[in-house]
Amino acid sequence: MKDSLMDVVCCPLDKADLELDADERNETEVLSGTLTCTECGETYPIEDGIPNLLPPDMRDEAAA
């Protein structure tokens, strides 16, 4: 996920800003970490450079 994406992504539940916590990055992208909503506190994983912005209940269904 490119850092510039932070200008356009928001929490899918309440449309609030997201805070980035990068665990791993290369020269141009965040490879893993989390995005946390500044309002509701919900977290969204970033895996292999792809943010998963599905609401929590939909993420659980997709994993099953």
N, C-alpha and C. Protein backbone atom coordinates (compact mmCIF):
# COMPACT_ATOMS: atom_id res chain seq x y z
N MET A 1 0.85 -1.17 0.00
CA MET A 1 0.00 0.00 0.00
C MET A 1 0.89 1.23 0.00
N LYS A 2 0.69 2.09 -0.92
CA LYS A 2 1.47 3.33 -0.98
C LYS A 2 0.99 4.30 0.10
N ASP A 3 1.93 5.04 0.69
CA ASP A 3 1.58 6.01 1.73
C ASP A 3 0.57 7.04 1.24
N SER A 4 0.61 7.38 -0.04
CA SER A 4 -0.31 8.39 -0.58
C SER A 4 -1.77 7.94 -0.51
N LEU A 5 -2.01 6.65 -0.38
CA LEU A 5 -3.37 6.13 -0.26
C LEU A 5 -4.04 6.61 1.03
N MET A 6 -3.23 6.97 2.04
CA MET A 6 -3.79 7.45 3.31
C MET A 6 -4.62 8.72 3.12
N ASP A 7 -4.39 9.45 2.03
CA ASP A 7 -5.16 10.67 1.77
C ASP A 7 -6.59 10.37 1.34
N VAL A 8 -6.85 9.14 0.87
CA VAL A 8 -8.17 8.84 0.34
C VAL A 8 -8.93 7.73 1.08
N VAL A 9 -8.25 6.90 1.85
CA VAL A 9 -8.96 5.82 2.54
C VAL A 9 -9.59 6.34 3.83
N CYS A 10 -10.71 5.71 4.20
CA CYS A 10 -11.38 6.04 5.45
C CYS A 10 -12.03 4.77 5.99
N CYS A 11 -12.47 4.82 7.22
CA CYS A 11 -13.12 3.68 7.85
C CYS A 11 -14.43 3.38 7.10
N PRO A 12 -14.65 2.14 6.68
CA PRO A 12 -15.89 1.82 5.97
C PRO A 12 -17.13 1.85 6.87
N LEU A 13 -16.92 1.84 8.18
CA LEU A 13 -18.07 1.84 9.09
C LEU A 13 -18.59 3.24 9.37
N ASP A 14 -17.68 4.18 9.66
CA ASP A 14 -18.13 5.52 10.04
C ASP A 14 -17.47 6.65 9.25
N LYS A 15 -16.68 6.29 8.25
CA LYS A 15 -16.03 7.26 7.34
C LYS A 15 -15.01 8.16 8.03
N ALA A 16 -14.54 7.78 9.21
CA ALA A 16 -13.52 8.56 9.93
C ALA A 16 -12.13 8.25 9.37
N ASP A 17 -11.16 9.07 9.75
CA ASP A 17 -9.79 8.87 9.30
C ASP A 17 -9.21 7.58 9.88
N LEU A 18 -8.22 7.05 9.17
CA LEU A 18 -7.51 5.85 9.61
C LEU A 18 -6.07 6.22 9.95
N GLU A 19 -5.54 5.57 10.98
CA GLU A 19 -4.17 5.78 11.40
C GLU A 19 -3.34 4.57 10.99
N LEU A 20 -2.21 4.81 10.38
CA LEU A 20 -1.35 3.73 9.87
C LEU A 20 -0.34 3.31 10.91
N ASP A 21 -0.22 2.00 11.11
CA ASP A 21 0.84 1.41 11.93
C ASP A 21 1.53 0.37 11.06
N ALA A 22 2.67 0.74 10.48
CA ALA A 22 3.38 -0.14 9.53
C ALA A 22 4.32 -1.06 10.27
N ASP A 23 4.18 -2.37 10.04
CA ASP A 23 5.09 -3.36 10.60
C ASP A 23 6.27 -3.60 9.67
N GLU A 24 5.99 -3.60 8.37
CA GLU A 24 7.03 -3.87 7.37
C GLU A 24 6.79 -2.98 6.17
N ARG A 25 7.87 -2.40 5.65
CA ARG A 25 7.75 -1.57 4.45
C ARG A 25 9.02 -1.69 3.62
N ASN A 26 8.89 -1.39 2.33
CA ASN A 26 10.06 -1.30 1.48
C ASN A 26 10.23 0.16 1.10
N GLU A 27 10.97 0.46 0.05
CA GLU A 27 11.26 1.84 -0.32
C GLU A 27 10.02 2.64 -0.67
N THR A 28 9.01 1.99 -1.22
CA THR A 28 7.86 2.73 -1.74
C THR A 28 6.52 2.37 -1.11
N GLU A 29 6.43 1.24 -0.39
CA GLU A 29 5.12 0.78 0.07
C GLU A 29 5.16 0.19 1.47
N VAL A 30 3.99 0.20 2.11
CA VAL A 30 3.78 -0.53 3.36
C VAL A 30 3.39 -1.95 2.96
N LEU A 31 4.14 -2.94 3.43
CA LEU A 31 3.87 -4.33 3.08
C LEU A 31 2.96 -5.02 4.08
N SER A 32 3.10 -4.68 5.36
CA SER A 32 2.21 -5.25 6.38
C SER A 32 2.05 -4.27 7.52
N GLY A 33 0.93 -4.40 8.21
CA GLY A 33 0.63 -3.53 9.34
C GLY A 33 -0.86 -3.46 9.54
N THR A 34 -1.30 -2.37 10.15
CA THR A 34 -2.72 -2.19 10.41
C THR A 34 -3.13 -0.74 10.17
N LEU A 35 -4.39 -0.59 9.85
CA LEU A 35 -5.03 0.72 9.79
C LEU A 35 -6.06 0.74 10.91
N THR A 36 -6.05 1.78 11.74
CA THR A 36 -6.96 1.86 12.88
C THR A 36 -7.82 3.10 12.75
N CYS A 37 -9.12 2.92 12.93
CA CYS A 37 -10.06 4.03 12.86
C CYS A 37 -9.86 4.95 14.07
N THR A 38 -9.80 6.26 13.81
CA THR A 38 -9.60 7.22 14.89
C THR A 38 -10.88 7.44 15.70
N GLU A 39 -12.03 7.00 15.19
CA GLU A 39 -13.29 7.18 15.91
C GLU A 39 -13.75 5.91 16.62
N CYS A 40 -13.97 4.83 15.86
CA CYS A 40 -14.54 3.61 16.46
C CYS A 40 -13.48 2.64 16.95
N GLY A 41 -12.21 2.82 16.53
CA GLY A 41 -11.13 1.95 17.00
C GLY A 41 -11.01 0.63 16.27
N GLU A 42 -11.84 0.39 15.26
CA GLU A 42 -11.75 -0.86 14.50
C GLU A 42 -10.41 -0.89 13.75
N THR A 43 -9.82 -2.09 13.65
CA THR A 43 -8.55 -2.23 12.94
C THR A 43 -8.75 -3.03 11.67
N TYR A 44 -7.96 -2.68 10.67
CA TYR A 44 -8.00 -3.33 9.36
C TYR A 44 -6.58 -3.74 9.00
N PRO A 45 -6.38 -5.01 8.66
CA PRO A 45 -5.02 -5.49 8.38
C PRO A 45 -4.52 -5.07 7.00
N ILE A 46 -3.20 -4.94 6.90
CA ILE A 46 -2.53 -4.76 5.61
C ILE A 46 -1.64 -5.99 5.45
N GLU A 47 -1.90 -6.79 4.43
CA GLU A 47 -1.13 -8.01 4.17
C GLU A 47 -0.65 -8.01 2.74
N ASP A 48 0.62 -8.25 2.54
CA ASP A 48 1.22 -8.26 1.20
C ASP A 48 0.96 -6.95 0.46
N GLY A 49 0.93 -5.84 1.20
CA GLY A 49 0.73 -4.54 0.59
C GLY A 49 -0.70 -4.18 0.27
N ILE A 50 -1.65 -5.04 0.66
CA ILE A 50 -3.07 -4.82 0.33
C ILE A 50 -3.87 -4.58 1.61
N PRO A 51 -4.49 -3.39 1.76
CA PRO A 51 -5.33 -3.16 2.93
C PRO A 51 -6.67 -3.88 2.78
N ASN A 52 -7.09 -4.58 3.82
CA ASN A 52 -8.39 -5.27 3.82
C ASN A 52 -9.36 -4.38 4.56
N LEU A 53 -10.16 -3.62 3.81
CA LEU A 53 -11.09 -2.68 4.41
C LEU A 53 -12.51 -3.22 4.50
N LEU A 54 -12.64 -4.53 4.47
CA LEU A 54 -13.96 -5.12 4.70
C LEU A 54 -14.36 -4.92 6.16
N PRO A 55 -15.63 -4.64 6.44
CA PRO A 55 -16.08 -4.58 7.82
C PRO A 55 -15.81 -5.92 8.52
N PRO A 56 -15.64 -5.90 9.83
CA PRO A 56 -15.23 -7.11 10.57
C PRO A 56 -16.09 -8.33 10.31
N ASP A 57 -17.42 -8.17 10.24
CA ASP A 57 -18.29 -9.33 10.02
C ASP A 57 -18.07 -9.93 8.62
N MET A 58 -17.79 -9.11 7.64
CA MET A 58 -17.55 -9.61 6.29
C MET A 58 -16.17 -10.28 6.20
N ARG A 59 -15.19 -9.78 6.96
CA ARG A 59 -13.87 -10.42 6.98
C ARG A 59 -13.97 -11.82 7.55
N ASP A 60 -14.78 -11.99 8.59
CA ASP A 60 -14.96 -13.30 9.22
C ASP A 60 -15.60 -14.28 8.24
N GLU A 61 -16.59 -13.81 7.48
CA GLU A 61 -17.26 -14.66 6.48
C GLU A 61 -16.28 -15.05 5.37
N ALA A 62 -15.45 -14.13 4.93
CA ALA A 62 -14.51 -14.39 3.84
C ALA A 62 -13.44 -15.38 4.27
N ALA A 63 -13.07 -15.40 5.55
CA ALA A 63 -12.04 -16.30 6.05
C ALA A 63 -12.57 -17.72 6.20
N ALA A 64 -13.87 -17.87 6.36
CA ALA A 64 -14.47 -19.20 6.59
C ALA A 64 -14.60 -19.98 5.32
